[in-house]
């Protein structure tokens, strides 16, 4: 079912807009964007995933060939291209993607001179978001203007943290940025949850990191922990979410469990 069919077939709903964010790279942001949305889709939740990272890992993670795209999220942000025309369906019938390509890399510079530069994403997202239960924004690993746009457009943050040394490095700066945006531009912004990723039960370090992050964030930390899993690493190269690539793998079961936890939190 394409987006036009969704518009006609389903009433408006109260969308939850989450920025998946961590200024560190390689912590599982795109993996979480793809696989959490797919798991929610399997539970009949309508999801929109916005790829705001010039690397486009979420785009390719859903099997979209970036080289074949004529338009992407850059065109909506800076060229007034209608966002509805960018919303494409995926292999998961309940999940839709607004793709990104390397073209987005120039957006940070171009946004500097744009009018209302911090709220462009919010203004173009508002007319379409309420056709979805969840909108996930996969942020780049930086705190530049693209990420600020995500923070202004979002209701809350979903923070993946890798179970490795220096896990909390940079998180303080991220939370300071959140507080700044909350004070000046988006008073309702808050942390929805923290998800621990790449957990290795064989190591003491992973367990120590979970304990440290839980002390820092308390109940914001999800009980579901995403393990290191070969199938999770392989799935993007096949352009499939883990729920389709290896449905009964540990990675798939973890994201299905996380999806239920996300739903319970409201």
Protein backbone atom coordinates (compact mmCIF):
# COMPACT_ATOMS: atom_id res chain seq x y z
CA UNK A 1 0.00 0.00 0.00
CA UNK A 2 1.49 3.33 -1.07
CA UNK A 3 1.19 6.60 0.83
CA UNK A 4 -1.73 7.83 -1.29
CA UNK A 5 -3.69 4.71 -0.35
CA UNK A 6 -2.78 5.25 3.32
CA UNK A 7 -4.12 8.81 3.15
CA UNK A 8 -7.42 7.63 1.72
CA UNK A 9 -7.85 4.50 3.79
CA UNK A 10 -6.85 5.54 7.30
CA UNK A 11 -8.03 8.33 9.60
CA UNK A 12 -5.61 10.76 11.18
CA UNK A 13 -3.82 9.53 14.27
CA UNK A 14 -1.71 11.10 16.99
CA UNK A 15 1.75 10.46 15.61
CA UNK A 16 4.74 10.10 17.91
CA UNK A 17 7.77 11.73 16.30
CA UNK A 18 11.12 10.47 17.58
CA UNK A 19 14.62 11.55 16.65
CA UNK A 20 16.98 8.57 16.79
CA UNK A 21 20.09 10.35 17.90
CA UNK A 22 23.60 9.98 19.24
CA UNK A 23 26.45 12.21 18.14
CA UNK A 24 28.75 9.20 18.09
CA UNK A 25 28.80 7.14 14.91
CA UNK A 26 28.47 3.37 14.74
CA UNK A 27 26.18 2.98 17.74
CA UNK A 28 23.21 1.47 15.90
CA UNK A 29 21.07 4.46 14.93
CA UNK A 30 20.26 3.28 11.42
CA UNK A 31 20.00 -0.35 12.55
CA UNK A 32 17.44 0.75 15.12
CA UNK A 33 15.57 3.00 12.67
CA UNK A 34 15.16 0.15 10.18
CA UNK A 35 14.49 -2.74 12.52
CA UNK A 36 12.36 -1.03 15.16
CA UNK A 37 10.10 0.44 12.48
CA UNK A 38 9.85 -2.97 10.78
CA UNK A 39 9.00 -4.67 14.07
CA UNK A 40 6.32 -2.06 14.78
CA UNK A 41 5.05 -2.53 11.23
CA UNK A 42 4.64 -6.23 11.89
CA UNK A 43 2.46 -5.19 14.84
CA UNK A 44 0.22 -3.21 12.46
CA UNK A 45 1.64 0.20 13.37
CA UNK A 46 2.02 2.66 10.50
CA UNK A 47 5.57 4.04 10.53
CA UNK A 48 7.38 6.74 8.57
CA UNK A 49 11.18 6.69 8.65
CA UNK A 50 13.01 9.86 7.60
CA UNK A 51 16.64 9.33 6.67
CA UNK A 52 18.43 12.55 7.67
CA UNK A 53 21.95 11.09 7.44
CA UNK A 54 23.90 11.77 4.22
CA UNK A 55 25.32 8.25 4.45
CA UNK A 56 21.81 6.98 3.69
CA UNK A 57 22.18 3.75 5.65
CA UNK A 58 18.51 3.63 6.57
CA UNK A 59 17.60 4.14 2.92
CA UNK A 60 19.76 1.25 1.74
CA UNK A 61 18.77 -0.81 4.79
CA UNK A 62 15.27 -0.93 3.32
CA UNK A 63 16.60 -1.99 -0.07
CA UNK A 64 16.21 1.41 -1.77
CA UNK A 65 18.81 1.98 -4.49
CA UNK A 66 20.16 5.45 -3.75
CA UNK A 67 21.77 5.77 -7.17
CA UNK A 68 18.36 5.46 -8.82
CA UNK A 69 16.70 8.22 -6.78
CA UNK A 70 15.88 11.43 -8.61
CA UNK A 71 14.82 13.26 -5.44
CA UNK A 72 15.49 12.80 -1.74
CA UNK A 73 14.99 14.56 1.59
CA UNK A 74 17.47 17.28 0.54
CA UNK A 75 15.00 18.43 -2.11
CA UNK A 76 12.21 18.74 0.45
CA UNK A 77 14.41 20.68 2.87
CA UNK A 78 16.03 23.09 0.44
CA UNK A 79 14.26 22.95 -2.93
CA UNK A 80 10.59 23.08 -1.84
CA UNK A 81 9.96 19.63 -3.32
CA UNK A 82 6.63 18.25 -1.98
CA UNK A 83 7.39 15.87 0.87
CA UNK A 84 4.42 13.66 -0.01
CA UNK A 85 6.10 12.76 -3.28
CA UNK A 86 9.16 11.50 -1.39
CA UNK A 87 7.27 9.06 0.84
CA UNK A 88 7.92 5.64 -0.62
CA UNK A 89 6.76 2.22 0.46
CA UNK A 90 9.11 -0.56 1.56
CA UNK A 91 9.21 -4.34 1.78
CA UNK A 92 7.29 -3.98 5.07
CA UNK A 93 3.75 -2.89 4.06
CA UNK A 94 3.24 -0.68 7.13
CA UNK A 95 6.55 1.18 6.86
CA UNK A 96 7.33 4.12 4.56
CA UNK A 97 10.64 5.89 3.97
CA UNK A 98 11.76 9.37 2.99
CA UNK A 99 15.21 8.58 1.55
CA UNK A 100 18.57 10.32 1.75
CA UNK A 101 21.56 10.35 -0.58
CA UNK A 102 25.02 11.89 -0.41
CA UNK A 103 23.43 15.05 -1.85
CA UNK A 104 22.31 15.78 1.71
CA UNK A 105 25.94 16.35 2.73
CA UNK A 106 25.76 19.92 1.41
CA UNK A 107 22.62 20.73 3.38
CA UNK A 108 24.48 21.79 6.54
CA UNK A 109 26.11 24.68 4.66
CA UNK A 110 23.02 25.64 2.67
CA UNK A 111 20.78 25.67 5.74
CA UNK A 112 22.92 28.38 7.35
CA UNK A 113 21.38 31.06 5.12
CA UNK A 114 17.87 29.56 4.97
CA UNK A 115 14.92 31.38 6.53
CA UNK A 116 13.67 29.72 9.76
CA UNK A 117 16.50 27.28 9.23
CA UNK A 118 15.97 25.27 12.46
CA UNK A 119 12.32 24.47 11.77
CA UNK A 120 12.21 23.58 8.07
CA UNK A 121 11.79 19.85 8.72
CA UNK A 122 9.00 20.48 11.20
CA UNK A 123 7.09 22.70 8.79
CA UNK A 124 7.21 20.18 5.94
CA UNK A 125 6.53 17.19 8.21
CA UNK A 126 3.50 18.59 10.05
CA UNK A 127 1.02 18.16 7.14
CA UNK A 128 1.79 14.43 6.70
CA UNK A 129 2.85 13.06 10.09
CA UNK A 130 -0.64 12.33 11.41
CA UNK A 131 -1.17 9.55 8.90
CA UNK A 132 1.33 7.52 10.93
CA UNK A 133 1.55 6.06 14.42
CA UNK A 134 5.30 6.62 14.59
CA UNK A 135 7.69 8.88 12.73
CA UNK A 136 11.38 8.08 13.22
CA UNK A 137 14.10 10.53 12.16
CA UNK A 138 17.49 8.89 11.69
CA UNK A 139 19.94 11.66 12.58
CA UNK A 140 23.54 12.12 11.40
CA UNK A 141 26.34 11.59 13.95
CA UNK A 142 26.79 15.29 14.66
CA UNK A 143 24.99 18.18 16.33
CA UNK A 144 24.73 20.40 13.24
CA UNK A 145 21.71 22.01 11.62
CA UNK A 146 20.28 18.74 10.29
CA UNK A 147 20.19 17.34 13.81
CA UNK A 148 18.77 20.61 15.19
CA UNK A 149 15.98 20.32 12.60
CA UNK A 150 15.26 16.82 13.87
CA UNK A 151 15.16 18.04 17.48
CA UNK A 152 12.70 20.80 16.58
CA UNK A 153 10.47 18.43 14.58
CA UNK A 154 10.47 15.63 17.18
CA UNK A 155 8.41 15.09 20.29
CA UNK A 156 11.15 13.06 21.92
CA UNK A 157 14.54 11.39 21.56
CA UNK A 158 15.39 7.72 21.20
CA UNK A 159 19.06 7.31 22.08
CA UNK A 160 20.94 4.15 21.06
CA UNK A 161 24.06 3.60 23.18
CA UNK A 162 26.65 1.00 22.28
CA UNK A 163 27.80 -1.37 25.02
CA UNK A 164 31.45 -0.40 24.71
CA UNK A 165 34.04 1.71 26.49
CA UNK A 166 33.30 5.46 26.45
CA UNK A 167 29.61 4.67 25.84
CA UNK A 168 28.48 7.87 27.58
CA UNK A 169 31.09 10.04 25.90
CA UNK A 170 29.32 12.93 24.22
CA UNK A 171 25.91 12.14 25.72
CA UNK A 172 26.20 15.13 28.08
CA UNK A 173 26.72 17.43 25.09
CA UNK A 174 23.74 15.83 23.34
CA UNK A 175 21.52 16.45 26.36
CA UNK A 176 22.75 20.05 26.58
CA UNK A 177 21.71 20.53 22.95
CA UNK A 178 18.32 19.00 23.75
CA UNK A 179 17.86 21.41 26.66
CA UNK A 180 18.81 24.37 24.47
CA UNK A 181 16.27 23.38 21.80
CA UNK A 182 13.69 22.69 24.50
CA UNK A 183 14.19 26.14 26.01
CA UNK A 184 14.17 28.08 22.74
CA UNK A 185 12.35 26.13 20.05
CA UNK A 186 10.53 22.99 21.24
CA UNK A 187 9.34 23.09 24.86
CA UNK A 188 7.80 19.59 24.73
CA UNK A 189 11.03 17.80 23.73
CA UNK A 190 12.18 15.05 26.10
CA UNK A 191 13.98 11.69 26.13
CA UNK A 192 11.59 8.87 25.22
CA UNK A 193 14.05 6.09 25.88
CA UNK A 194 17.59 4.77 25.74
CA UNK A 195 18.30 1.47 24.00
CA UNK A 196 21.49 -0.45 24.66
CA UNK A 197 22.96 -1.93 21.48
CA UNK A 198 25.71 -4.39 20.48
CA UNK A 199 25.55 -6.17 23.84
CA UNK A 200 27.94 -9.10 24.28
CA UNK A 201 26.83 -11.24 27.22
CA UNK A 202 30.27 -12.89 27.33
CA UNK A 203 32.05 -9.72 28.42
CA UNK A 204 32.10 -8.01 31.77
CA UNK A 205 32.46 -4.67 29.97
CA UNK A 206 29.01 -4.92 28.36
CA UNK A 207 27.40 -5.59 31.72
CA UNK A 208 29.29 -2.71 33.32
CA UNK A 209 28.24 -0.30 30.56
CA UNK A 210 24.57 -1.25 30.99
CA UNK A 211 24.88 -0.61 34.73
CA UNK A 212 26.59 2.75 34.14
CA UNK A 213 24.02 3.93 31.59
CA UNK A 214 21.14 2.79 33.82
CA UNK A 215 22.58 4.80 36.72
CA UNK A 216 22.71 7.85 34.44
CA UNK A 217 19.30 7.54 32.74
CA UNK A 218 17.28 5.46 35.22
CA UNK A 219 13.92 4.27 33.95
CA UNK A 220 14.51 5.81 30.54
CA UNK A 221 16.65 2.77 29.68
CA UNK A 222 14.64 0.05 27.92
CA UNK A 223 14.71 -3.37 29.52
CA UNK A 224 15.21 -4.87 26.06
CA UNK A 225 18.88 -4.96 25.09
CA UNK A 226 19.96 -5.45 21.48
CA UNK A 227 22.68 -8.12 21.24
CA UNK A 228 25.63 -8.36 18.91
CA UNK A 229 24.26 -10.59 16.18
CA UNK A 230 25.74 -11.69 12.85
CA UNK A 231 22.33 -11.68 11.17
CA UNK A 232 21.77 -8.05 12.21
CA UNK A 233 25.05 -7.16 10.51
CA UNK A 234 24.18 -9.10 7.36
CA UNK A 235 20.62 -7.86 6.87
CA UNK A 236 21.45 -4.37 5.42
CA UNK A 237 23.51 -5.90 2.61
CA UNK A 238 20.35 -7.73 1.54
CA UNK A 239 18.20 -4.59 1.79
CA UNK A 240 15.95 -6.23 4.37
CA UNK A 241 15.03 -5.53 7.99
CA UNK A 242 16.05 -8.28 10.38
CA UNK A 243 12.40 -9.30 10.83
CA UNK A 244 12.38 -10.41 7.19
CA UNK A 245 15.98 -11.49 6.72
CA UNK A 246 16.21 -13.74 9.79
CA UNK A 247 12.89 -13.71 11.59
CA UNK A 248 13.84 -16.03 14.47
CA UNK A 249 17.37 -14.71 15.02
CA UNK A 250 18.34 -13.16 18.34
CA UNK A 251 18.48 -9.73 16.69
CA UNK A 252 14.97 -10.05 15.26
CA UNK A 253 13.49 -11.29 18.52
CA UNK A 254 15.17 -8.41 20.38
CA UNK A 255 13.71 -5.75 18.08
CA UNK A 256 10.26 -7.38 18.24
CA UNK A 257 10.51 -7.23 22.03
CA UNK A 258 11.70 -3.61 21.90
CA UNK A 259 8.76 -2.70 19.65
CA UNK A 260 6.34 -4.04 22.26
CA UNK A 261 8.12 -2.04 24.95
CA UNK A 262 7.95 1.12 22.83
CA UNK A 263 4.22 0.59 22.30
CA UNK A 264 3.62 0.10 26.02
CA UNK A 265 5.38 3.39 26.82
CA UNK A 266 2.82 5.14 24.65
